[in-house]
All heavy atoms as atom14 arrays in JSON, in Angstrom:
{
  "sequence": "YDKNMKKFPRVGSVLQSKGDKKNNRYAPAFLVRNSKNIRFNNVI",
  "atom14_mask": [
    [1, 1, 1, 1, 1, 1, 1, 1, 1, 1, 1, 1, 0, 0],
    [1, 1, 1, 1, 1, 1, 1, 1, 0, 0, 0, 0, 0, 0],
    [1, 1, 1, 1, 1, 1, 1, 1, 1, 0, 0, 0, 0, 0],
    [1, 1, 1, 1, 1, 1, 1, 1, 0, 0, 0, 0, 0, 0],
    [1, 1, 1, 1, 1, 1, 1, 1, 0, 0, 0, 0, 0, 0],
    [1, 1, 1, 1, 1, 1, 1, 1, 1, 0, 0, 0, 0, 0],
    [1, 1, 1, 1, 1, 1, 1, 1, 1, 0, 0, 0, 0, 0],
    [1, 1, 1, 1, 1, 1, 1, 1, 1, 1, 1, 0, 0, 0],
    [1, 1, 1, 1, 1, 1, 1, 0, 0, 0, 0, 0, 0, 0],
    [1, 1, 1, 1, 1, 1, 1, 1, 1, 1, 1, 0, 0, 0],
    [1, 1, 1, 1, 1, 1, 1, 0, 0, 0, 0, 0, 0, 0],
    [1, 1, 1, 1, 0, 0, 0, 0, 0, 0, 0, 0, 0, 0],
    [1, 1, 1, 1, 1, 1, 0, 0, 0, 0, 0, 0, 0, 0],
    [1, 1, 1, 1, 1, 1, 1, 0, 0, 0, 0, 0, 0, 0],
    [1, 1, 1, 1, 1, 1, 1, 1, 0, 0, 0, 0, 0, 0],
    [1, 1, 1, 1, 1, 1, 1, 1, 1, 0, 0, 0, 0, 0],
    [1, 1, 1, 1, 1, 1, 0, 0, 0, 0, 0, 0, 0, 0],
    [1, 1, 1, 1, 1, 1, 1, 1, 1, 0, 0, 0, 0, 0],
    [1, 1, 1, 1, 0, 0, 0, 0, 0, 0, 0, 0, 0, 0],
    [1, 1, 1, 1, 1, 1, 1, 1, 0, 0, 0, 0, 0, 0],
    [1, 1, 1, 1, 1, 1, 1, 1, 1, 0, 0, 0, 0, 0],
    [1, 1, 1, 1, 1, 1, 1, 1, 1, 0, 0, 0, 0, 0],
    [1, 1, 1, 1, 1, 1, 1, 1, 0, 0, 0, 0, 0, 0],
    [1, 1, 1, 1, 1, 1, 1, 1, 0, 0, 0, 0, 0, 0],
    [1, 1, 1, 1, 1, 1, 1, 1, 1, 1, 1, 0, 0, 0],
    [1, 1, 1, 1, 1, 1, 1, 1, 1, 1, 1, 1, 0, 0],
    [1, 1, 1, 1, 1, 0, 0, 0, 0, 0, 0, 0, 0, 0],
    [1, 1, 1, 1, 1, 1, 1, 0, 0, 0, 0, 0, 0, 0],
    [1, 1, 1, 1, 1, 0, 0, 0, 0, 0, 0, 0, 0, 0],
    [1, 1, 1, 1, 1, 1, 1, 1, 1, 1, 1, 0, 0, 0],
    [1, 1, 1, 1, 1, 1, 1, 1, 0, 0, 0, 0, 0, 0],
    [1, 1, 1, 1, 1, 1, 1, 0, 0, 0, 0, 0, 0, 0],
    [1, 1, 1, 1, 1, 1, 1, 1, 1, 1, 1, 0, 0, 0],
    [1, 1, 1, 1, 1, 1, 1, 1, 0, 0, 0, 0, 0, 0],
    [1, 1, 1, 1, 1, 1, 0, 0, 0, 0, 0, 0, 0, 0],
    [1, 1, 1, 1, 1, 1, 1, 1, 1, 0, 0, 0, 0, 0],
    [1, 1, 1, 1, 1, 1, 1, 1, 0, 0, 0, 0, 0, 0],
    [1, 1, 1, 1, 1, 1, 1, 1, 0, 0, 0, 0, 0, 0],
    [1, 1, 1, 1, 1, 1, 1, 1, 1, 1, 1, 0, 0, 0],
    [1, 1, 1, 1, 1, 1, 1, 1, 1, 1, 1, 0, 0, 0],
    [1, 1, 1, 1, 1, 1, 1, 1, 0, 0, 0, 0, 0, 0],
    [1, 1, 1, 1, 1, 1, 1, 1, 0, 0, 0, 0, 0, 0],
    [1, 1, 1, 1, 1, 1, 1, 0, 0, 0, 0, 0, 0, 0],
    [1, 1, 1, 1, 1, 1, 1, 1, 0, 0, 0, 0, 0, 0]
  ],
  "atom14_positions": [
    [[4.89, -25.14, 26.75], [6.35, -25.29, 26.72], [6.91, -24.15, 25.92], [6.51, -23.95, 24.7], [6.75, -26.53, 26.16], [6.4, -27.83, 26.92], [5.08, -28.37, 26.65], [7.16, -28.34, 27.88], [4.77, -29.56, 27.37], [6.91, -29.43, 28.63], [5.65, -30.06, 28.32], [5.28, -31.14, 29.05], [0.0, 0.0, 0.0], [0.0, 0.0, 0.0]],
    [[7.83, -23.34, 26.5], [8.34, -22.24, 25.81], [9.81, -22.03, 26.26], [10.12, -21.55, 27.31], [7.54, -20.95, 26.13], [7.94, -19.76, 25.21], [8.9, -19.83, 24.62], [7.01, -18.84, 25.17], [0.0, 0.0, 0.0], [0.0, 0.0, 0.0], [0.0, 0.0, 0.0], [0.0, 0.0, 0.0], [0.0, 0.0, 0.0], [0.0, 0.0, 0.0]],
    [[10.78, -22.47, 25.35], [12.16, -22.47, 25.75], [12.72, -21.03, 25.6], [13.83, -20.8, 26.12], [12.97, -23.43, 24.75], [12.94, -23.05, 23.32], [13.67, -23.98, 22.46], [13.61, -23.69, 20.93], [14.32, -24.66, 20.09], [0.0, 0.0, 0.0], [0.0, 0.0, 0.0], [0.0, 0.0, 0.0], [0.0, 0.0, 0.0], [0.0, 0.0, 0.0]],
    [[11.93, -20.08, 25.03], [12.4, -18.75, 24.88], [11.83, -17.72, 25.96], [12.02, -16.65, 25.81], [12.06, -18.23, 23.48], [12.85, -19.01, 22.34], [14.04, -19.26, 22.49], [12.04, -19.36, 21.34], [0.0, 0.0, 0.0], [0.0, 0.0, 0.0], [0.0, 0.0, 0.0], [0.0, 0.0, 0.0], [0.0, 0.0, 0.0], [0.0, 0.0, 0.0]],
    [[11.11, -18.38, 26.91], [10.4, -17.44, 27.81], [11.45, -16.77, 28.68], [12.3, -17.36, 29.24], [9.6, -18.41, 28.78], [8.56, -17.71, 29.64], [7.07, -17.34, 28.71], [5.99, -16.81, 30.04], [0.0, 0.0, 0.0], [0.0, 0.0, 0.0], [0.0, 0.0, 0.0], [0.0, 0.0, 0.0], [0.0, 0.0, 0.0], [0.0, 0.0, 0.0]],
    [[11.34, -15.4, 28.64], [12.31, -14.58, 29.4], [11.89, -14.43, 30.87], [12.66, -14.41, 31.75], [12.47, -13.25, 28.72], [13.15, -13.33, 27.39], [13.23, -11.99, 26.68], [13.88, -12.13, 25.36], [13.88, -10.78, 24.58], [0.0, 0.0, 0.0], [0.0, 0.0, 0.0], [0.0, 0.0, 0.0], [0.0, 0.0, 0.0], [0.0, 0.0, 0.0]],
    [[10.56, -14.22, 31.08], [10.19, -14.07, 32.51], [8.87, -14.8, 32.68], [7.85, -14.53, 31.97], [9.91, -12.56, 32.74], [9.46, -12.26, 34.18], [9.37, -10.75, 34.39], [8.81, -10.36, 35.81], [9.76, -10.81, 36.86], [0.0, 0.0, 0.0], [0.0, 0.0, 0.0], [0.0, 0.0, 0.0], [0.0, 0.0, 0.0], [0.0, 0.0, 0.0]],
    [[8.82, -15.75, 33.57], [7.59, -16.54, 33.71], [6.56, -15.8, 34.57], [6.97, -15.01, 35.5], [7.95, -17.85, 34.47], [8.57, -18.81, 33.49], [9.94, -18.85, 33.27], [7.83, -19.86, 32.84], [10.54, -19.7, 32.38], [8.4, -20.75, 31.99], [9.77, -20.69, 31.75], [0.0, 0.0, 0.0], [0.0, 0.0, 0.0], [0.0, 0.0, 0.0]],
    [[5.3, -16.01, 34.32], [4.25, -15.32, 35.18], [4.21, -15.86, 36.59], [4.65, -17.0, 36.73], [3.01, -15.6, 34.4], [3.21, -16.95, 33.65], [4.75, -16.9, 33.22], [0.0, 0.0, 0.0], [0.0, 0.0, 0.0], [0.0, 0.0, 0.0], [0.0, 0.0, 0.0], [0.0, 0.0, 0.0], [0.0, 0.0, 0.0], [0.0, 0.0, 0.0]],
    [[3.64, -15.16, 37.48], [3.55, -15.39, 38.88], [2.47, -16.53, 38.99], [1.41, -16.36, 38.47], [3.38, -14.24, 39.7], [3.05, -14.52, 41.09], [2.77, -13.24, 41.97], [1.62, -12.56, 41.37], [0.37, -12.78, 41.82], [0.09, -13.66, 42.71], [-0.63, -11.97, 41.29], [0.0, 0.0, 0.0], [0.0, 0.0, 0.0], [0.0, 0.0, 0.0]],
    [[2.67, -17.55, 39.7], [1.66, -18.4, 40.05], [0.58, -17.78, 40.86], [0.84, -16.99, 41.8], [2.11, -19.65, 40.88], [1.06, -20.56, 41.36], [3.1, -20.48, 39.97], [0.0, 0.0, 0.0], [0.0, 0.0, 0.0], [0.0, 0.0, 0.0], [0.0, 0.0, 0.0], [0.0, 0.0, 0.0], [0.0, 0.0, 0.0], [0.0, 0.0, 0.0]],
    [[-0.67, -17.9, 40.43], [-1.81, -17.19, 41.08], [-2.29, -16.03, 40.26], [-3.33, -15.47, 40.51], [0.0, 0.0, 0.0], [0.0, 0.0, 0.0], [0.0, 0.0, 0.0], [0.0, 0.0, 0.0], [0.0, 0.0, 0.0], [0.0, 0.0, 0.0], [0.0, 0.0, 0.0], [0.0, 0.0, 0.0], [0.0, 0.0, 0.0], [0.0, 0.0, 0.0]],
    [[-1.47, -15.68, 39.27], [-1.8, -14.55, 38.43], [-2.74, -15.01, 37.28], [-2.9, -16.25, 37.09], [-0.62, -13.8, 37.86], [0.25, -14.53, 37.06], [0.0, 0.0, 0.0], [0.0, 0.0, 0.0], [0.0, 0.0, 0.0], [0.0, 0.0, 0.0], [0.0, 0.0, 0.0], [0.0, 0.0, 0.0], [0.0, 0.0, 0.0], [0.0, 0.0, 0.0]],
    [[-3.19, -14.06, 36.47], [-3.93, -14.44, 35.16], [-3.07, -14.0, 34.08], [-2.71, -12.87, 33.91], [-5.3, -13.72, 35.19], [-6.04, -14.0, 33.88], [-6.17, -13.94, 36.34], [0.0, 0.0, 0.0], [0.0, 0.0, 0.0], [0.0, 0.0, 0.0], [0.0, 0.0, 0.0], [0.0, 0.0, 0.0], [0.0, 0.0, 0.0], [0.0, 0.0, 0.0]],
    [[-2.73, -14.89, 33.13], [-1.99, -14.64, 32.0], [-3.0, -14.29, 30.81], [-3.88, -15.15, 30.54], [-1.1, -15.68, 31.6], [-0.11, -15.36, 30.39], [0.92, -14.37, 30.75], [0.53, -16.64, 29.86], [0.0, 0.0, 0.0], [0.0, 0.0, 0.0], [0.0, 0.0, 0.0], [0.0, 0.0, 0.0], [0.0, 0.0, 0.0], [0.0, 0.0, 0.0]],
    [[-2.79, -13.1, 30.26], [-3.78, -12.64, 29.17], [-2.91, -12.4, 27.93], [-1.85, -11.84, 27.86], [-4.46, -11.39, 29.58], [-5.78, -11.16, 28.91], [-5.68, -10.69, 27.49], [-6.48, -10.97, 26.68], [-4.62, -9.89, 27.15], [0.0, 0.0, 0.0], [0.0, 0.0, 0.0], [0.0, 0.0, 0.0], [0.0, 0.0, 0.0], [0.0, 0.0, 0.0]],
    [[-3.5, -12.81, 26.8], [-2.82, -12.74, 25.48], [-3.77, -12.13, 24.44], [-4.98, -12.41, 24.44], [-2.29, -14.02, 24.99], [-1.46, -14.66, 25.94], [0.0, 0.0, 0.0], [0.0, 0.0, 0.0], [0.0, 0.0, 0.0], [0.0, 0.0, 0.0], [0.0, 0.0, 0.0], [0.0, 0.0, 0.0], [0.0, 0.0, 0.0], [0.0, 0.0, 0.0]],
    [[-3.34, -11.25, 23.67], [-4.17, -10.57, 22.65], [-3.79, -10.8, 21.18], [-4.11, -10.17, 20.23], [-4.21, -9.04, 22.8], [-2.93, -8.31, 22.61], [-3.1, -6.8, 22.69], [-1.86, -5.99, 22.35], [-1.97, -4.55, 22.34], [0.0, 0.0, 0.0], [0.0, 0.0, 0.0], [0.0, 0.0, 0.0], [0.0, 0.0, 0.0], [0.0, 0.0, 0.0]],
    [[-2.81, -11.79, 20.96], [-2.42, -12.24, 19.65], [-1.24, -11.36, 19.07], [-0.69, -10.55, 19.76], [0.0, 0.0, 0.0], [0.0, 0.0, 0.0], [0.0, 0.0, 0.0], [0.0, 0.0, 0.0], [0.0, 0.0, 0.0], [0.0, 0.0, 0.0], [0.0, 0.0, 0.0], [0.0, 0.0, 0.0], [0.0, 0.0, 0.0], [0.0, 0.0, 0.0]],
    [[-0.92, -11.74, 17.88], [0.38, -11.1, 17.28], [0.19, -9.69, 16.96], [-0.88, -9.23, 16.59], [0.76, -12.01, 16.11], [-0.14, -11.97, 15.04], [-1.1, -12.71, 14.95], [0.18, -11.06, 14.03], [0.0, 0.0, 0.0], [0.0, 0.0, 0.0], [0.0, 0.0, 0.0], [0.0, 0.0, 0.0], [0.0, 0.0, 0.0], [0.0, 0.0, 0.0]],
    [[1.32, -9.0, 16.94], [1.32, -7.51, 16.71], [0.76, -7.15, 15.31], [0.12, -6.25, 15.07], [2.75, -7.01, 16.85], [2.9, -5.51, 16.69], [4.35, -5.04, 16.99], [4.42, -3.51, 16.83], [5.79, -3.03, 17.1], [0.0, 0.0, 0.0], [0.0, 0.0, 0.0], [0.0, 0.0, 0.0], [0.0, 0.0, 0.0], [0.0, 0.0, 0.0]],
    [[0.93, -8.01, 14.28], [0.62, -7.66, 12.95], [-0.87, -7.62, 12.8], [-1.38, -6.94, 12.03], [1.21, -8.77, 12.0], [0.89, -8.44, 10.59], [1.51, -9.45, 9.62], [1.22, -9.23, 8.15], [1.71, -10.26, 7.22], [0.0, 0.0, 0.0], [0.0, 0.0, 0.0], [0.0, 0.0, 0.0], [0.0, 0.0, 0.0], [0.0, 0.0, 0.0]],
    [[-1.51, -8.48, 13.61], [-3.03, -8.64, 13.33], [-3.87, -8.16, 14.62], [-5.1, -8.22, 14.43], [-3.4, -10.12, 13.11], [-2.8, -10.6, 11.86], [-3.16, -10.13, 10.83], [-1.82, -11.57, 11.91], [0.0, 0.0, 0.0], [0.0, 0.0, 0.0], [0.0, 0.0, 0.0], [0.0, 0.0, 0.0], [0.0, 0.0, 0.0], [0.0, 0.0, 0.0]],
    [[-3.32, -7.77, 15.66], [-4.07, -7.51, 16.79], [-4.61, -6.05, 17.06], [-5.2, -5.73, 18.04], [-3.41, -7.93, 18.14], [-2.24, -7.15, 18.53], [-1.99, -6.0, 18.08], [-1.32, -7.7, 19.26], [0.0, 0.0, 0.0], [0.0, 0.0, 0.0], [0.0, 0.0, 0.0], [0.0, 0.0, 0.0], [0.0, 0.0, 0.0], [0.0, 0.0, 0.0]],
    [[-4.46, -5.27, 16.08], [-5.12, -3.95, 16.04], [-5.97, -3.85, 14.71], [-5.52, -3.27, 13.72], [-4.13, -2.79, 16.06], [-3.41, -2.72, 17.39], [-2.58, -1.51, 17.43], [-1.97, -1.26, 18.72], [-1.4, -0.07, 19.16], [-1.39, 0.99, 18.28], [-0.89, 0.01, 20.34], [0.0, 0.0, 0.0], [0.0, 0.0, 0.0], [0.0, 0.0, 0.0]],
    [[-7.13, -4.37, 14.76], [-8.01, -4.46, 13.53], [-8.63, -3.05, 13.27], [-8.5, -2.6, 12.2], [-9.04, -5.53, 13.79], [-10.06, -5.66, 12.63], [-9.68, -6.42, 11.47], [-11.33, -5.06, 12.64], [-10.58, -6.5, 10.39], [-12.15, -5.11, 11.6], [-11.91, -5.89, 10.52], [-12.68, -5.94, 9.39], [0.0, 0.0, 0.0], [0.0, 0.0, 0.0]],
    [[-9.31, -2.49, 14.27], [-10.0, -1.24, 14.02], [-10.4, -0.72, 15.46], [-10.68, -1.43, 16.36], [-11.14, -1.37, 13.18], [0.0, 0.0, 0.0], [0.0, 0.0, 0.0], [0.0, 0.0, 0.0], [0.0, 0.0, 0.0], [0.0, 0.0, 0.0], [0.0, 0.0, 0.0], [0.0, 0.0, 0.0], [0.0, 0.0, 0.0], [0.0, 0.0, 0.0]],
    [[-10.55, 0.59, 15.53], [-11.01, 1.27, 16.86], [-12.53, 1.07, 16.87], [-13.31, 0.84, 15.95], [-10.53, 2.67, 16.66], [-10.54, 2.98, 15.13], [-10.05, 1.67, 14.6], [0.0, 0.0, 0.0], [0.0, 0.0, 0.0], [0.0, 0.0, 0.0], [0.0, 0.0, 0.0], [0.0, 0.0, 0.0], [0.0, 0.0, 0.0], [0.0, 0.0, 0.0]],
    [[-13.04, 1.23, 18.09], [-14.52, 1.3, 18.28], [-15.06, 2.49, 17.48], [-16.1, 2.41, 16.75], [-14.84, 1.36, 19.67], [0.0, 0.0, 0.0], [0.0, 0.0, 0.0], [0.0, 0.0, 0.0], [0.0, 0.0, 0.0], [0.0, 0.0, 0.0], [0.0, 0.0, 0.0], [0.0, 0.0, 0.0], [0.0, 0.0, 0.0], [0.0, 0.0, 0.0]],
    [[-14.45, 3.67, 17.56], [-14.91, 4.92, 16.89], [-13.68, 5.39, 16.08], [-12.65, 5.8, 16.66], [-15.38, 5.92, 17.82], [-16.64, 5.52, 18.66], [-16.56, 4.94, 19.8], [-17.91, 5.64, 18.08], [-17.7, 4.56, 20.58], [-19.08, 5.35, 18.79], [-18.91, 4.8, 20.04], [0.0, 0.0, 0.0], [0.0, 0.0, 0.0], [0.0, 0.0, 0.0]],
    [[-13.78, 5.43, 14.82], [-12.8, 6.17, 13.87], [-13.38, 7.43, 13.37], [-14.43, 7.35, 12.63], [-12.29, 5.15, 12.75], [-11.51, 5.81, 11.73], [-10.24, 6.31, 12.28], [-11.2, 4.81, 10.61], [0.0, 0.0, 0.0], [0.0, 0.0, 0.0], [0.0, 0.0, 0.0], [0.0, 0.0, 0.0], [0.0, 0.0, 0.0], [0.0, 0.0, 0.0]],
    [[-12.79, 8.57, 13.7], [-13.25, 9.86, 13.13], [-12.09, 10.53, 12.58], [-11.01, 10.75, 13.1], [-13.79, 10.76, 14.4], [-14.3, 12.03, 13.95], [-14.75, 10.01, 15.26], [0.0, 0.0, 0.0], [0.0, 0.0, 0.0], [0.0, 0.0, 0.0], [0.0, 0.0, 0.0], [0.0, 0.0, 0.0], [0.0, 0.0, 0.0], [0.0, 0.0, 0.0]],
    [[-12.36, 10.99, 11.28], [-11.23, 11.64, 10.62], [-11.79, 12.77, 9.69], [-12.92, 12.54, 9.13], [-10.26, 10.69, 9.87], [-10.84, 9.74, 8.88], [-9.75, 8.76, 8.49], [-10.28, 7.8, 7.53], [-9.56, 6.71, 7.15], [-8.34, 6.56, 7.68], [-10.09, 5.94, 6.37], [0.0, 0.0, 0.0], [0.0, 0.0, 0.0], [0.0, 0.0, 0.0]],
    [[-10.92, 13.75, 9.42], [-11.32, 14.8, 8.54], [-12.76, 15.43, 8.95], [-13.55, 15.75, 8.1], [-11.36, 14.29, 7.07], [-10.05, 13.92, 6.67], [-9.03, 14.52, 6.81], [-9.97, 12.71, 6.11], [0.0, 0.0, 0.0], [0.0, 0.0, 0.0], [0.0, 0.0, 0.0], [0.0, 0.0, 0.0], [0.0, 0.0, 0.0], [0.0, 0.0, 0.0]],
    [[-12.99, 15.46, 10.28], [-14.22, 15.86, 10.8], [-13.9, 16.96, 11.85], [-12.83, 17.14, 12.39], [-15.01, 14.83, 11.42], [-15.27, 13.78, 10.39], [0.0, 0.0, 0.0], [0.0, 0.0, 0.0], [0.0, 0.0, 0.0], [0.0, 0.0, 0.0], [0.0, 0.0, 0.0], [0.0, 0.0, 0.0], [0.0, 0.0, 0.0], [0.0, 0.0, 0.0]],
    [[-15.04, 17.6, 12.36], [-14.89, 18.69, 13.32], [-16.11, 18.76, 14.16], [-17.15, 18.15, 13.78], [-14.56, 20.02, 12.7], [-15.52, 20.47, 11.72], [-15.04, 21.78, 11.05], [-15.98, 22.25, 9.89], [-15.43, 23.43, 9.22], [0.0, 0.0, 0.0], [0.0, 0.0, 0.0], [0.0, 0.0, 0.0], [0.0, 0.0, 0.0], [0.0, 0.0, 0.0]],
    [[-16.06, 19.47, 15.36], [-17.17, 19.77, 16.18], [-17.68, 18.41, 16.69], [-18.83, 18.01, 16.38], [-18.24, 20.45, 15.57], [-17.81, 21.92, 15.14], [-17.05, 22.57, 15.88], [-18.17, 22.28, 13.92], [0.0, 0.0, 0.0], [0.0, 0.0, 0.0], [0.0, 0.0, 0.0], [0.0, 0.0, 0.0], [0.0, 0.0, 0.0], [0.0, 0.0, 0.0]],
    [[-16.85, 17.62, 17.47], [-17.08, 16.23, 17.73], [-17.37, 16.2, 19.29], [-16.54, 16.75, 20.07], [-15.84, 15.4, 17.4], [-15.62, 15.52, 15.9], [-16.07, 13.94, 17.84], [-14.17, 15.32, 15.43], [0.0, 0.0, 0.0], [0.0, 0.0, 0.0], [0.0, 0.0, 0.0], [0.0, 0.0, 0.0], [0.0, 0.0, 0.0], [0.0, 0.0, 0.0]],
    [[-18.41, 15.45, 19.72], [-18.65, 15.28, 21.07], [-19.22, 13.9, 21.39], [-20.15, 13.48, 20.8], [-19.67, 16.3, 21.6], [-20.1, 16.03, 23.06], [-20.98, 17.16, 23.56], [-20.15, 18.28, 23.9], [-20.48, 19.31, 24.78], [-21.66, 19.26, 25.34], [-19.73, 20.3, 25.0], [0.0, 0.0, 0.0], [0.0, 0.0, 0.0], [0.0, 0.0, 0.0]],
    [[-18.53, 13.19, 22.23], [-18.94, 11.88, 22.83], [-19.36, 12.16, 24.22], [-18.51, 12.64, 25.07], [-17.8, 10.85, 22.73], [-17.58, 10.39, 21.33], [-16.65, 11.09, 20.53], [-18.21, 9.31, 20.76], [-16.39, 10.67, 19.24], [-18.02, 8.9, 19.46], [-17.13, 9.55, 18.65], [0.0, 0.0, 0.0], [0.0, 0.0, 0.0], [0.0, 0.0, 0.0]],
    [[-20.44, 11.78, 24.73], [-20.98, 11.95, 26.07], [-21.69, 10.75, 26.55], [-22.53, 10.22, 25.93], [-21.92, 13.16, 26.06], [-22.33, 13.57, 27.53], [-21.63, 13.34, 28.43], [-23.54, 14.15, 27.64], [0.0, 0.0, 0.0], [0.0, 0.0, 0.0], [0.0, 0.0, 0.0], [0.0, 0.0, 0.0], [0.0, 0.0, 0.0], [0.0, 0.0, 0.0]],
    [[-21.16, 10.25, 27.64], [-21.74, 9.03, 28.34], [-21.73, 7.88, 27.31], [-22.68, 7.2, 27.02], [-23.16, 9.28, 28.75], [-23.71, 8.07, 29.7], [-22.86, 7.47, 30.28], [-24.91, 7.9, 29.67], [0.0, 0.0, 0.0], [0.0, 0.0, 0.0], [0.0, 0.0, 0.0], [0.0, 0.0, 0.0], [0.0, 0.0, 0.0], [0.0, 0.0, 0.0]],
    [[-20.49, 7.65, 26.72], [-20.25, 6.47, 25.81], [-19.34, 5.56, 26.57], [-18.2, 5.91, 26.95], [-19.62, 6.95, 24.45], [-19.39, 5.74, 23.63], [-20.67, 7.87, 23.79], [0.0, 0.0, 0.0], [0.0, 0.0, 0.0], [0.0, 0.0, 0.0], [0.0, 0.0, 0.0], [0.0, 0.0, 0.0], [0.0, 0.0, 0.0], [0.0, 0.0, 0.0]],
    [[-19.68, 4.25, 26.68], [-18.93, 3.3, 27.41], [-18.53, 2.21, 26.43], [-19.28, 1.73, 25.64], [-19.76, 2.56, 28.53], [-20.35, 3.67, 29.55], [-18.87, 1.63, 29.3], [-19.33, 4.52, 30.14], [0.0, 0.0, 0.0], [0.0, 0.0, 0.0], [0.0, 0.0, 0.0], [0.0, 0.0, 0.0], [0.0, 0.0, 0.0], [0.0, 0.0, 0.0]]
  ]
}
């Protein structure tokens, strides 16, 4: 139940949620900083 819903999803679609903006960017898979000569090859 959501009285503030602006646009309802389409029946038959998949609704996906990733949490609130404050907490949903914890960390990247790879954090590189103050570094150089960087190569990622065949990394999935």
